[in-house]
N, C-alpha and C. Protein backbone atom coordinates (compact mmCIF):
# COMPACT_ATOMS: atom_id res chain seq x y z
N MET A 1 0.25 -1.08 0.14
CA MET A 1 0.26 0.18 0.03
C MET A 1 0.67 1.35 0.15
N ARG A 2 1.74 1.58 0.77
CA ARG A 2 2.58 2.22 0.76
C ARG A 2 3.83 2.72 -0.39
N GLY A 3 4.23 1.49 -1.27
CA GLY A 3 4.92 1.37 -2.11
C GLY A 3 3.54 1.93 -3.59
N SER A 4 2.38 1.72 -3.57
CA SER A 4 1.69 1.90 -4.37
C SER A 4 1.47 3.57 -3.77
N ILE A 5 1.67 4.27 -2.38
CA ILE A 5 1.45 6.06 -2.50
C ILE A 5 2.01 6.48 -3.32
N VAL A 6 3.79 6.28 -2.61
CA VAL A 6 4.98 6.55 -2.95
C VAL A 6 4.76 6.68 -5.10
N LEU A 7 4.97 5.80 -5.18
CA LEU A 7 4.35 5.57 -6.71
C LEU A 7 4.14 6.97 -7.56
N ILE A 8 2.48 6.53 -6.78
CA ILE A 8 1.78 7.85 -6.93
C ILE A 8 1.72 8.98 -6.81
N SER A 9 2.84 8.69 -6.36
CA SER A 9 3.08 11.05 -5.64
C SER A 9 4.02 11.11 -7.03
N VAL A 10 5.10 9.90 -6.92
CA VAL A 10 6.11 10.64 -8.28
C VAL A 10 6.10 10.37 -9.12
N SER A 11 4.45 9.66 -9.89
CA SER A 11 4.04 9.28 -11.23
C SER A 11 3.38 11.04 -11.39
N VAL A 12 2.63 11.73 -10.39
CA VAL A 12 1.84 12.86 -10.47
C VAL A 12 2.96 14.29 -10.26
N LEU A 13 3.80 14.16 -9.75
CA LEU A 13 5.38 14.46 -9.78
C LEU A 13 5.82 14.43 -11.07
N LEU A 14 6.50 13.99 -11.70
CA LEU A 14 6.47 13.56 -12.47
C LEU A 14 5.67 14.09 -14.06
N PHE A 15 4.51 14.09 -13.75
CA PHE A 15 3.14 14.82 -14.85
C PHE A 15 3.41 16.03 -15.24
N SER A 16 3.69 16.38 -13.69
CA SER A 16 3.64 17.71 -13.24
C SER A 16 4.50 18.81 -14.37
N LEU A 17 5.78 17.56 -13.68
CA LEU A 17 7.19 18.27 -14.56
C LEU A 17 7.22 18.70 -15.55
N VAL A 18 6.67 17.67 -16.48
CA VAL A 18 6.16 17.09 -18.25
C VAL A 18 6.07 18.46 -18.96
N GLY A 19 4.65 17.91 -18.37
CA GLY A 19 3.54 19.37 -19.10
C GLY A 19 3.79 20.55 -18.38
N ALA A 20 4.74 20.59 -17.64
CA ALA A 20 5.39 22.13 -16.90
C ALA A 20 5.70 22.34 -18.07
N ALA A 21 6.76 21.95 -18.39
CA ALA A 21 7.80 22.16 -19.56
C ALA A 21 7.09 22.39 -20.74
N GLY A 22 5.87 22.27 -21.28
CA GLY A 22 5.15 22.73 -22.73
C GLY A 22 4.20 24.08 -22.41
N PHE A 23 4.62 24.56 -21.27
CA PHE A 23 3.64 25.76 -20.93
C PHE A 23 4.49 26.96 -19.94
N ALA A 24 5.00 27.98 -21.00
CA ALA A 24 5.53 28.83 -19.98
C ALA A 24 4.63 29.96 -19.44
N GLN A 25 5.01 30.11 -17.82
CA GLN A 25 4.40 31.10 -17.24
C GLN A 25 4.12 32.36 -18.20
N GLY A 26 2.73 32.87 -17.89
CA GLY A 26 3.30 34.55 -18.41
C GLY A 26 3.42 35.71 -17.50
N GLY A 27 2.85 36.60 -18.25
CA GLY A 27 2.30 37.96 -17.41
C GLY A 27 1.83 38.27 -17.25
N SER A 28 1.50 39.92 -17.93
CA SER A 28 0.34 40.18 -18.16
C SER A 28 0.03 41.52 -18.63
N LEU A 29 -1.23 41.89 -19.50
CA LEU A 29 -1.32 42.29 -20.46
C LEU A 29 -2.45 43.59 -20.26
N PRO A 30 -2.17 44.65 -19.54
CA PRO A 30 -2.94 45.64 -19.49
C PRO A 30 -3.23 46.43 -20.36
N VAL A 31 -4.38 47.38 -20.80
CA VAL A 31 -4.63 48.48 -21.56
C VAL A 31 -3.36 49.17 -21.17
N SER A 32 -3.66 49.71 -22.57
CA SER A 32 -2.20 50.93 -22.40
C SER A 32 -2.79 51.64 -24.00
N ALA A 33 -2.32 53.15 -23.40
CA ALA A 33 -2.44 53.73 -24.29
C ALA A 33 -1.67 53.91 -25.13
N MET A 34 0.38 52.69 -25.55
CA MET A 34 0.97 52.89 -26.65
C MET A 34 0.61 52.09 -27.66
N LYS A 35 0.65 53.14 -28.88
CA LYS A 35 -0.30 52.13 -30.33
C LYS A 35 1.55 51.78 -30.72
N THR A 36 1.01 50.38 -30.97
CA THR A 36 2.27 49.50 -31.84
C THR A 36 2.13 49.79 -33.43
N VAL A 37 3.17 50.08 -34.26
CA VAL A 37 2.87 49.96 -35.97
C VAL A 37 3.29 48.51 -36.32
N VAL A 38 2.86 48.10 -37.09
CA VAL A 38 1.95 47.02 -37.46
C VAL A 38 2.99 47.47 -39.01
N ASP A 39 4.34 46.61 -38.88
CA ASP A 39 5.51 46.89 -39.95
C ASP A 39 5.89 45.80 -40.03
N GLY A 40 6.08 44.68 -39.40
CA GLY A 40 6.45 43.51 -39.49
C GLY A 40 8.38 43.44 -38.36
N VAL A 41 8.53 44.37 -37.99
CA VAL A 41 9.68 44.64 -36.84
C VAL A 41 9.00 44.66 -35.65
N ALA A 42 9.25 44.02 -35.39
CA ALA A 42 8.81 43.88 -33.50
C ALA A 42 9.57 44.83 -32.45
N HIS A 43 9.42 45.83 -32.35
CA HIS A 43 10.49 46.79 -31.22
C HIS A 43 10.15 46.78 -30.09
N PRO A 44 11.01 46.47 -29.18
CA PRO A 44 10.64 45.99 -27.48
C PRO A 44 10.35 47.04 -26.98
N ASP A 45 9.89 48.57 -27.36
CA ASP A 45 9.45 49.86 -26.58
C ASP A 45 8.02 49.55 -27.36
N GLU A 46 7.70 49.06 -28.63
CA GLU A 46 6.13 49.60 -29.02
C GLU A 46 5.41 48.45 -28.61
N TYR A 47 5.49 47.37 -27.47
CA TYR A 47 4.89 46.38 -26.66
C TYR A 47 5.33 46.42 -24.82
N SER A 48 4.22 45.73 -24.32
CA SER A 48 3.87 46.31 -23.10
C SER A 48 4.18 44.58 -22.56
N PHE A 49 4.28 43.81 -23.50
CA PHE A 49 4.84 42.64 -22.62
C PHE A 49 5.21 42.00 -23.88
N SER A 50 7.05 41.47 -23.19
CA SER A 50 7.20 40.46 -24.56
C SER A 50 8.76 39.12 -24.05
N GLN A 51 8.09 38.23 -24.44
CA GLN A 51 8.80 37.21 -23.74
C GLN A 51 9.68 36.31 -24.25
N ASP A 52 10.61 36.05 -24.61
CA ASP A 52 11.85 35.57 -25.66
C ASP A 52 12.01 33.84 -24.74
N PHE A 53 11.00 32.84 -26.11
CA PHE A 53 11.51 31.65 -25.79
C PHE A 53 12.08 30.53 -26.05
N GLY A 54 13.88 31.34 -26.84
CA GLY A 54 14.60 30.47 -27.62
C GLY A 54 14.60 30.76 -28.95
N PRO A 55 13.89 30.05 -29.90
CA PRO A 55 14.33 30.09 -30.70
C PRO A 55 12.86 31.15 -31.59
N LEU A 56 11.56 31.54 -30.94
CA LEU A 56 10.83 32.64 -30.96
C LEU A 56 10.88 33.55 -29.79
N THR A 57 10.89 34.21 -30.02
CA THR A 57 9.90 35.87 -29.19
C THR A 57 8.86 36.22 -29.14
N LEU A 58 7.67 36.33 -28.55
CA LEU A 58 6.32 36.73 -28.36
C LEU A 58 6.51 37.95 -27.54
N SER A 59 5.59 39.29 -28.44
CA SER A 59 5.42 40.04 -27.85
C SER A 59 3.82 40.74 -28.15
N ALA A 60 3.20 41.24 -26.95
CA ALA A 60 2.11 41.98 -26.85
C ALA A 60 1.70 43.18 -26.24
N ASN A 61 0.21 43.98 -27.04
CA ASN A 61 -0.03 44.89 -26.50
C ASN A 61 -1.17 44.81 -26.86
N ARG A 62 -2.04 46.09 -25.85
CA ARG A 62 -2.98 46.23 -25.45
C ARG A 62 -3.61 47.71 -26.04
N THR A 63 -4.95 48.04 -26.87
CA THR A 63 -4.89 49.34 -26.62
C THR A 63 -6.98 48.78 -26.45
N ALA A 64 -7.22 49.83 -26.10
CA ALA A 64 -9.21 49.60 -25.75
C ALA A 64 -9.76 48.60 -26.48
N ASP A 65 -9.05 48.94 -27.84
CA ASP A 65 -10.01 48.33 -29.38
C ASP A 65 -9.44 47.42 -30.04
N THR A 66 -7.35 47.83 -29.71
CA THR A 66 -6.93 46.99 -30.53
C THR A 66 -5.84 45.96 -29.63
N LEU A 67 -5.50 45.07 -30.13
CA LEU A 67 -5.17 44.12 -29.23
C LEU A 67 -3.76 43.53 -30.59
N TYR A 68 -2.91 43.54 -30.77
CA TYR A 68 -1.26 43.18 -31.03
C TYR A 68 -0.55 42.23 -30.86
N LEU A 69 -0.34 41.58 -31.34
CA LEU A 69 0.82 40.06 -31.82
C LEU A 69 1.90 40.36 -32.35
N ALA A 70 3.07 39.75 -32.13
CA ALA A 70 3.85 39.69 -32.77
C ALA A 70 4.91 38.37 -32.91
N VAL A 71 5.43 37.68 -33.47
CA VAL A 71 5.94 35.98 -33.06
C VAL A 71 7.31 36.60 -33.97
N ALA A 72 8.62 36.42 -33.66
CA ALA A 72 9.48 36.80 -34.36
C ALA A 72 10.53 35.70 -33.85
N GLY A 73 10.60 34.87 -35.56
CA GLY A 73 11.85 33.12 -35.28
C GLY A 73 12.66 33.13 -35.51
N GLU A 74 13.34 31.97 -35.03
CA GLU A 74 14.75 31.86 -35.54
C GLU A 74 14.42 30.88 -36.71
N THR A 75 13.22 31.15 -38.29
CA THR A 75 13.70 30.04 -39.36
C THR A 75 13.41 30.65 -40.32
N SER A 76 13.62 30.65 -41.69
CA SER A 76 13.28 31.39 -43.09
C SER A 76 11.94 31.02 -42.99
N GLY A 77 11.32 29.55 -42.51
CA GLY A 77 10.39 29.29 -42.98
C GLY A 77 8.78 30.02 -42.21
N TRP A 78 7.51 29.29 -41.63
CA TRP A 78 6.99 29.78 -41.37
C TRP A 78 6.99 30.36 -39.56
N VAL A 79 6.11 31.17 -39.01
CA VAL A 79 5.78 31.84 -37.78
C VAL A 79 4.65 31.65 -37.65
N ALA A 80 4.13 31.49 -36.20
CA ALA A 80 2.32 31.34 -36.34
C ALA A 80 2.20 31.93 -34.65
N VAL A 81 0.95 32.15 -34.46
CA VAL A 81 0.65 32.91 -32.72
C VAL A 81 -1.05 32.42 -32.86
N GLY A 82 -0.89 31.65 -32.04
CA GLY A 82 -3.01 30.77 -31.58
C GLY A 82 -3.61 31.74 -30.31
N LEU A 83 -4.76 32.07 -30.26
CA LEU A 83 -5.62 32.96 -29.55
C LEU A 83 -6.15 32.14 -28.91
N GLY A 84 -6.95 31.77 -27.74
CA GLY A 84 -7.61 31.26 -27.06
C GLY A 84 -7.86 29.84 -26.66
N SER A 85 -6.45 29.07 -26.32
CA SER A 85 -6.12 27.74 -26.31
C SER A 85 -5.20 27.65 -25.78
N LEU A 86 -4.34 27.01 -24.79
CA LEU A 86 -3.25 26.21 -24.86
C LEU A 86 -2.54 25.48 -25.72
N LYS A 87 -3.47 24.54 -26.32
CA LYS A 87 -3.43 23.86 -27.35
C LYS A 87 -3.84 24.04 -28.79
N MET A 88 -3.53 23.57 -29.96
CA MET A 88 -4.22 24.08 -31.35
C MET A 88 -5.02 23.51 -30.89
N ASN A 89 -5.61 22.72 -30.50
CA ASN A 89 -7.43 22.32 -30.82
C ASN A 89 -7.65 23.45 -30.05
N GLY A 90 -8.94 24.07 -30.91
CA GLY A 90 -9.37 25.33 -30.18
C GLY A 90 -9.06 26.75 -31.26
N ALA A 91 -7.98 26.96 -30.98
CA ALA A 91 -7.63 28.15 -31.31
C ALA A 91 -7.59 28.42 -32.87
N THR A 92 -7.40 29.87 -32.23
CA THR A 92 -7.47 30.81 -33.46
C THR A 92 -6.16 31.00 -33.93
N ILE A 93 -5.88 30.33 -34.94
CA ILE A 93 -4.65 30.50 -35.25
C ILE A 93 -3.98 31.81 -36.93
N PHE A 94 -2.80 32.37 -35.88
CA PHE A 94 -2.38 33.16 -37.49
C PHE A 94 -1.00 32.70 -38.04
N MET A 95 -0.92 32.69 -39.44
CA MET A 95 0.17 32.21 -39.17
C MET A 95 0.63 32.82 -40.66
N GLY A 96 2.41 32.74 -41.22
CA GLY A 96 2.43 33.43 -42.45
C GLY A 96 3.94 33.43 -42.67
N PHE A 97 4.59 33.22 -43.46
CA PHE A 97 5.89 33.45 -44.39
C PHE A 97 6.24 34.14 -45.20
N VAL A 98 7.33 34.10 -45.79
CA VAL A 98 7.50 34.98 -47.06
C VAL A 98 8.87 33.53 -48.30
N ASP A 99 7.37 33.71 -48.77
CA ASP A 99 7.49 32.93 -49.85
C ASP A 99 9.30 33.08 -50.66
N GLY A 100 9.60 31.97 -51.84
CA GLY A 100 11.13 32.26 -52.28
C GLY A 100 11.02 33.64 -53.05
N ASN A 101 9.56 33.60 -53.83
CA ASN A 101 9.66 35.09 -54.89
C ASN A 101 9.65 36.51 -53.75
N GLY A 102 9.74 36.40 -52.61
CA GLY A 102 9.68 37.13 -51.73
C GLY A 102 7.93 38.24 -51.32
N LYS A 103 7.37 37.26 -52.19
CA LYS A 103 5.66 37.53 -51.74
C LYS A 103 5.06 36.84 -49.95
N VAL A 104 4.88 37.65 -49.84
CA VAL A 104 3.83 37.67 -48.06
C VAL A 104 2.60 37.02 -47.76
N GLN A 105 2.52 35.22 -47.59
CA GLN A 105 1.72 34.45 -47.57
C GLN A 105 1.59 34.46 -45.80
N PHE A 106 0.02 34.95 -45.67
CA PHE A 106 -0.61 34.74 -44.59
C PHE A 106 -2.26 34.15 -44.77
N LYS A 107 -2.24 33.38 -43.40
CA LYS A 107 -3.44 32.89 -43.70
C LYS A 107 -3.71 33.03 -41.65
N ALA A 108 -5.39 32.98 -41.73
CA ALA A 108 -6.02 32.56 -40.14
C ALA A 108 -6.37 31.38 -40.43
N GLN A 109 -6.20 30.46 -38.97
CA GLN A 109 -6.36 29.10 -39.45
C GLN A 109 -7.33 28.96 -38.02
N ALA A 110 -8.15 27.99 -38.12
CA ALA A 110 -9.43 27.13 -37.01
C ALA A 110 -8.07 25.49 -36.77
N GLY A 111 -7.16 25.82 -35.20
CA GLY A 111 -7.03 24.75 -34.56
C GLY A 111 -8.33 23.22 -34.75
N ALA A 112 -7.81 22.29 -35.01
CA ALA A 112 -9.03 21.16 -35.25
C ALA A 112 -7.95 20.05 -34.95
N GLY A 113 -8.20 19.54 -33.73
CA GLY A 113 -7.52 18.84 -33.34
C GLY A 113 -6.21 19.06 -33.03
N HIS A 114 -5.28 18.05 -33.42
CA HIS A 114 -3.21 18.53 -33.95
C HIS A 114 -3.15 18.82 -35.02
N ALA A 115 -3.91 19.62 -35.77
CA ALA A 115 -3.80 20.21 -37.02
C ALA A 115 -5.15 21.09 -37.22
N HIS A 116 -4.88 21.86 -38.72
CA HIS A 116 -5.65 23.52 -38.21
C HIS A 116 -6.10 23.54 -39.47
N LYS A 117 -7.68 23.87 -40.00
CA LYS A 117 -7.97 24.00 -41.27
C LYS A 117 -8.53 25.98 -41.56
N ASP A 118 -8.99 26.23 -42.58
CA ASP A 118 -8.39 27.88 -42.74
C ASP A 118 -10.08 28.20 -42.11
N ALA A 119 -9.90 29.35 -41.14
CA ALA A 119 -10.53 29.95 -40.38
C ALA A 119 -11.93 30.70 -41.07
N ALA A 120 -13.08 30.36 -40.52
CA ALA A 120 -13.76 31.19 -41.15
C ALA A 120 -14.27 33.02 -41.50
N LYS A 121 -14.80 33.08 -42.55
CA LYS A 121 -14.51 34.56 -42.66
C LYS A 121 -14.12 35.96 -41.89
N SER A 122 -15.38 35.46 -40.73
CA SER A 122 -15.17 35.86 -40.00
C SER A 122 -14.34 36.10 -39.00
N VAL A 123 -13.05 35.42 -38.46
CA VAL A 123 -12.02 35.81 -38.66
C VAL A 123 -11.59 36.28 -38.90
N SER A 124 -11.06 36.69 -40.34
CA SER A 124 -10.16 36.99 -41.26
C SER A 124 -10.63 38.78 -40.86
N ASP A 125 -12.06 38.65 -40.72
CA ASP A 125 -12.74 40.33 -40.55
C ASP A 125 -12.44 40.64 -38.68
N THR A 126 -11.45 40.29 -37.86
CA THR A 126 -11.13 40.71 -37.02
C THR A 126 -9.58 40.64 -37.13
N VAL A 127 -8.87 41.43 -38.35
CA VAL A 127 -8.15 41.32 -38.81
C VAL A 127 -7.48 43.24 -39.35
N ILE A 128 -7.25 44.04 -38.43
CA ILE A 128 -7.28 45.36 -39.06
C ILE A 128 -5.92 45.50 -40.16
N SER A 129 -4.72 44.87 -39.06
CA SER A 129 -3.60 44.82 -40.27
C SER A 129 -2.44 43.96 -39.69
N SER A 130 -1.78 43.22 -40.80
CA SER A 130 -0.56 42.15 -40.56
C SER A 130 0.63 42.57 -41.47
N ALA A 131 1.74 42.31 -40.83
CA ALA A 131 2.97 42.19 -42.00
C ALA A 131 3.43 41.12 -41.23
N ILE A 132 4.58 40.57 -42.40
CA ILE A 132 5.64 39.65 -42.39
C ILE A 132 6.89 39.65 -42.92
N THR A 133 7.98 39.79 -42.49
CA THR A 133 9.29 39.98 -42.42
C THR A 133 10.07 38.59 -42.33
N GLU A 134 11.38 38.88 -43.73
CA GLU A 134 12.21 37.28 -43.39
C GLU A 134 13.47 38.41 -43.58
N ALA A 135 14.50 38.46 -42.75
CA ALA A 135 15.50 38.89 -43.09
C ALA A 135 16.63 38.40 -41.65
N ALA A 136 17.81 37.61 -42.60
CA ALA A 136 18.37 36.97 -42.05
C ALA A 136 18.71 35.83 -40.82
N GLY A 137 17.65 34.67 -41.77
CA GLY A 137 17.26 33.32 -40.73
C GLY A 137 15.99 34.13 -39.69
N THR A 138 15.46 34.82 -39.39
CA THR A 138 13.91 35.64 -38.48
C THR A 138 13.11 36.18 -39.20
N THR A 139 11.75 35.52 -39.44
CA THR A 139 10.79 35.21 -40.02
C THR A 139 9.53 36.18 -38.73
N THR A 140 8.99 37.60 -38.60
CA THR A 140 8.16 37.99 -38.20
C THR A 140 7.65 38.19 -38.38
N LEU A 141 5.99 37.99 -37.85
CA LEU A 141 5.10 38.32 -37.82
C LEU A 141 4.32 39.68 -37.33
N GLU A 142 3.52 40.67 -37.65
CA GLU A 142 2.98 41.07 -36.63
C GLU A 142 1.30 41.56 -36.58
N ILE A 143 0.93 41.53 -35.84
CA ILE A 143 -0.46 41.77 -36.23
C ILE A 143 -1.48 42.42 -35.83
N ALA A 144 -2.19 42.79 -35.99
CA ALA A 144 -3.63 44.20 -35.22
C ALA A 144 -4.84 43.01 -35.51
N LEU A 145 -5.14 43.22 -33.92
CA LEU A 145 -7.24 42.71 -34.38
C LEU A 145 -8.16 43.31 -33.52
N LYS A 146 -8.93 43.50 -33.64
CA LYS A 146 -9.95 43.67 -33.17
C LYS A 146 -10.58 42.76 -31.88
N ALA A 147 -9.81 43.54 -30.11
CA ALA A 147 -9.52 43.32 -29.02
C ALA A 147 -10.98 42.54 -28.57
N GLY A 148 -12.45 43.38 -29.09
CA GLY A 148 -13.57 42.83 -28.89
C GLY A 148 -13.85 41.09 -28.96
N ALA A 149 -13.16 40.39 -30.20
CA ALA A 149 -13.02 39.62 -30.94
C ALA A 149 -12.34 38.15 -29.95
N TYR A 150 -11.82 38.76 -29.29
CA TYR A 150 -10.58 38.29 -28.50
C TYR A 150 -10.98 37.97 -26.81
N ILE A 151 -10.98 39.09 -26.65
CA ILE A 151 -10.75 39.71 -25.22
C ILE A 151 -12.30 40.52 -24.38
N THR A 152 -13.04 39.44 -23.55
CA THR A 152 -14.33 40.11 -23.29
C THR A 152 -14.15 40.85 -21.76
N THR A 153 -15.36 41.02 -21.56
CA THR A 153 -15.17 42.14 -20.56
C THR A 153 -14.50 41.16 -18.90
N ALA A 154 -15.36 40.23 -19.15
CA ALA A 154 -15.44 39.31 -17.75
C ALA A 154 -13.72 38.57 -18.05
N GLN A 155 -13.56 38.25 -18.75
CA GLN A 155 -12.35 37.31 -18.89
C GLN A 155 -11.00 38.11 -18.35
N SER A 156 -10.20 37.08 -17.37
CA SER A 156 -8.98 37.11 -17.22
C SER A 156 -6.99 36.87 -17.22
N ALA A 157 -7.62 36.16 -18.40
CA ALA A 157 -6.32 35.65 -18.52
C ALA A 157 -6.47 35.27 -20.92
N LEU A 158 -5.56 35.66 -21.37
CA LEU A 158 -5.45 35.53 -22.80
C LEU A 158 -4.62 34.40 -23.33
N ASP A 159 -4.69 33.01 -23.47
CA ASP A 159 -4.15 32.19 -23.51
C ASP A 159 -3.85 32.22 -24.88
N LEU A 160 -2.85 31.48 -25.11
CA LEU A 160 -1.27 32.31 -26.25
C LEU A 160 -0.82 30.87 -26.87
N ILE A 161 -1.15 30.24 -28.43
CA ILE A 161 0.14 29.16 -28.50
C ILE A 161 0.97 30.04 -29.22
N ILE A 162 2.07 29.55 -29.96
CA ILE A 162 3.33 30.09 -30.75
C ILE A 162 3.78 29.20 -31.73
N ALA A 163 4.48 29.22 -32.61
CA ALA A 163 5.30 28.17 -33.66
C ALA A 163 5.57 28.87 -34.35
N LEU A 164 6.79 27.83 -35.09
CA LEU A 164 7.07 28.34 -36.07
C LEU A 164 7.88 26.72 -37.15
N GLY A 165 8.19 26.62 -38.36
CA GLY A 165 8.37 25.85 -39.14
C GLY A 165 9.05 25.93 -39.88
N GLY A 166 10.14 25.30 -40.18
CA GLY A 166 10.89 25.64 -41.46
C GLY A 166 10.86 25.45 -43.19
N GLY A 167 9.43 24.98 -43.41
CA GLY A 167 9.05 24.98 -45.03
C GLY A 167 8.82 26.35 -44.75
N LYS A 168 8.48 26.71 -46.20
CA LYS A 168 8.15 27.65 -47.01
C LYS A 168 5.95 27.52 -47.52
N SER A 169 5.47 27.00 -46.55
CA SER A 169 3.95 26.39 -46.81
C SER A 169 3.42 25.96 -45.42
N PHE A 170 1.96 26.33 -45.91
CA PHE A 170 1.48 26.13 -44.53
C PHE A 170 1.19 25.00 -44.11
N SER A 171 1.92 23.68 -44.63
CA SER A 171 1.77 22.24 -44.45
C SER A 171 2.71 21.60 -43.51
N PRO A 172 3.72 22.37 -43.70
CA PRO A 172 5.02 21.59 -42.35
C PRO A 172 4.80 21.67 -41.10
N TYR A 173 4.76 20.26 -40.26
CA TYR A 173 4.93 20.59 -39.35
C TYR A 173 5.72 21.07 -38.22
N HIS A 174 5.58 21.62 -37.27
CA HIS A 174 6.26 22.54 -36.34
C HIS A 174 7.59 21.74 -36.25
N SER A 175 8.23 22.49 -35.63
CA SER A 175 9.41 22.35 -35.85
C SER A 175 9.84 22.55 -34.34
N TYR A 176 9.06 23.79 -33.69
CA TYR A 176 9.11 24.38 -31.79
C TYR A 176 7.36 24.88 -32.08
N ARG A 177 7.29 24.15 -30.57
CA ARG A 177 5.70 25.06 -30.09
C ARG A 177 6.21 25.48 -28.67
N ASN A 178 5.24 26.23 -28.12
CA ASN A 178 5.13 26.78 -26.85
C ASN A 178 4.12 27.40 -26.61
N ALA A 179 2.67 27.49 -25.36
CA ALA A 179 2.21 28.41 -24.86
C ALA A 179 2.28 29.13 -23.72
N THR A 180 1.14 30.05 -23.17
CA THR A 180 1.80 30.68 -22.40
C THR A 180 -0.10 31.29 -21.84
N SER A 181 -0.36 32.04 -20.78
CA SER A 181 -1.39 32.81 -20.07
C SER A 181 -0.92 33.89 -19.96
N LEU A 182 -1.62 34.79 -20.64
CA LEU A 182 -1.23 36.44 -20.04
C LEU A 182 -2.65 36.67 -18.88
N LYS A 183 -1.81 37.57 -17.65
CA LYS A 183 -3.44 37.93 -16.98
C LYS A 183 -3.20 39.49 -17.87
N LEU A 184 -4.67 39.42 -18.01
CA LEU A 184 -5.47 40.78 -18.56
C LEU A 184 -5.92 41.50 -17.06
N ASN A 185 -5.47 42.68 -17.05
CA ASN A 185 -5.76 43.83 -15.97
C ASN A 185 -5.72 45.02 -16.44
């Protein structure tokens, strides 16, 4: 009996540690008067939150009516940011890359299980502006969204996922992913 309790305790501890490895503790995202310039270059001074996740940096800023997000990843492939879930399933995902001809490719996607599909047109209607750049092996996606579409007055946190992949296509599997939750105050 005692051995079973110890085994269960160790299992719970290991599960907790492994689960935490895929989820980064976030910061806070208060309403700010600072407006972000959506130009594909994420300057730290235009965001109230920024966190380095190794190969990806997530930045966020929020005014009364606009939510600004940026992901900059060490890749010449695609980068993505998703809202509304700490997993791909159920997240509204925005992803993009600069193709081999220098043309920006951008899509709104809906997470479905361990995959994604084109999001409903209503999701695209929440996008105010977006910009994607690739320079020196880093791809950056900046996006301005209608805040009311993703943040309600009763909401206490904003769940986000981030990912990157090496291909210049929307279908290659991610080589890095992470999740965080930002307190809304």
